[in-house]
Amino acid sequence: MKFQGKRSLLLLLLLSITLYLGSSQTSVSNCVLDIPSSSSLVSSNCELYHWGGFTNGCCGPYFGDYLYALGVRTNQTGKVFLNPSEQKNCIASMEAFDKYFTCYGIEKLTSGTGGCSDYTITDVINQLGDKLRRLEEECMPLSTNGRPNETCTKCLKAWEDTRGPESANISSYLCRFAVLVSLTSTRIFDKESILEVYKCLGEHALSAGFASANQEVKARGNANINSGLWIAFGITGVIVLVFLAAVALFVRRNRSVPSVQNESSDSPSLKITLKDVYAATSNLSASNFIGQGIAGKVYKGVLSNNQSVAVKHITSECYMETFVREVRSLYHVRHHNLVALLGYCESEGECFLVYELCHNGNLSEWLFGNGKVLSWIQRLEIAIDSARGLQFLHTYPNGCIVHRDIKPSNILIDAKFQAKLSDFGLSRVMDLGQSYVSSEVRGTFGYIDPEYRTNHQVKASGDVYSFGIVLLQLLSGQRIINIDFNRPMSLGKMARDVVRGGVISEFADPKLKGEYSVEAFDIVLKLALSCVGLKRQRPSIDQVLYSLEKTLDISL
């Protein structure tokens, strides 16, 4: 009877809390960030996450979700912190969803105060790249390391060393969080690992100097919290928290094991079973076949979580080991203009790579296929998206990543018509400080930098050359060699003839039907020719992106 009474009490609590949860699962409204409104119920101790004194009050649970949401936004926009108006709306929205929400610290992470507050992710990479790399090296093994305490200590040290020389200076805190948000933006598809980093940094106090800067704020925060909350809700809070802990334990024990295994490997959260691969593609059904490359065939499929995917079946023995090795080294490289690697599967005699599915095919199909037409604006937007993806690769914190195979068929277009670079099988990563790495010549005929063919030096400028060829194809709708003439002519020579006095309309893709800005067309044409010129005279991808964005403004 005693047990049944307790059970009845738990059932009543479950019913009331379930009703509450059901009414608070939507995202926080009026906020540019996608913050779950149920964040305050995630932790059983809101005081646990204090970030060494940076945050005070009952904001720890929300703060982690807030940081992750910032990282997602940074991945999409390049901006790190919210402006004052956006910040005010987000804080007000969180307070509206949880009347007991009391957080001091979030308001400091606002742009407009100078220094790191106004940084973009590019600024972080350029100014604090060494700090970003160290934080990633020391903190990201947390989810797989067998000795988490030791790893957390190293992570904390890297976090503490990220600040400026004056520990109480708010600008130092902003720089530290700018680095953390930037790291998050590169790992938004690995949320579990990022949350482990937050747990380490949030639960453990840093040096006294770091915490002391907020002691006065903390005192005020604690006073506000203690004046009424503990009296009015203390007993109920304890009961609810104990119950939530019991429910969480029950759910954890009974949760089904996902197909992605957390093993100790180079990319533990990405491994997918062979059974899941075959189930997703209906046993590699011919009806799901969507293409073929030199490494193998590509199939569309749907995972058990309803995620649409493209599955690359690597069957060529000469590509199996090197291709998988290259892609594994890039599993953590995430950007909205790069096709995301969702998983991989290794089995005896065959390998699979699982990517997000881009429903609108590739740029080659749109440029050279029948019945498909790209407007002038769409072409510019595809060029800009692709340039942003390349910019991210060339400025990656751990070292410049050279794609080595930029071409229309490797530029995919998703359901929202956003362009994404794909196929990193030939990519090479250069260490910091390296201007090039030596390698055998790899790539696709017509897109390979002539100087690379001669000296075998892999450089970022080689990607710029390939991208210049793609720009010429976006303008003309032509393949590398124009075979319509009595004497075949390269696309580059055709473009140079136009610049020397030819007629633009003769070079422009007939599918455009003259509907384009002549001024913008001329800018892109000259930009493309500068990309395919001599290496020492080529623009950087940053300069290319700036010019393309300028032409879009002219065209709108």
Foldseek 3Di string as FASTA:
>chain_A
DVVVVVVVVLVVLVVVVVVLCVVQQAAQPQAPFRAGLCQLVPDLDQQQFCLQQLKAARCLSRVLSVLLRLLQVLLVPQWRAAAQVNLVRRVVSSCVSPVRDDMDRSNLLHADPDALSGGGLLCCLVPVLVLLVQLCVLQQCCLPDPDNVVSLVSNLVSLQVQFDPQLLDSSRVNSSSSSLSSLSNLASVPVVSNVSSSSSSRRDHDDPSNNVSNPVVNVVNVVVSPVPVCVPCVVVSVVSSVSSVVVVVVCVVPPDDDQQAQHPDLDRRFAGEPVQVCQFQVNVDPVQWDAADPQATWGWGAGPVRFIKIKGKGQDPVLVPLQVVQVSVCQSGDHPQAWHFRHKYDDPRIIMTITHDAVPAWQLCQLANPPHHDEPLLLLQLLLSNLVQQVCQCSPSQAHKAQLEDDGNQWGAHPVRRTHGYDSSPIDGDGPPDQWDADARDYDPLLAQPVCNVRRTDHSLRVLLSSLLRLLCSFASDDQWDPPDPDIDGSLVVLVVCVVPNDSVVRGHVSNVPLWDPVLSVLSSVLSNLSNDDSVRHDHSVVVSVSSVVSSVVTD
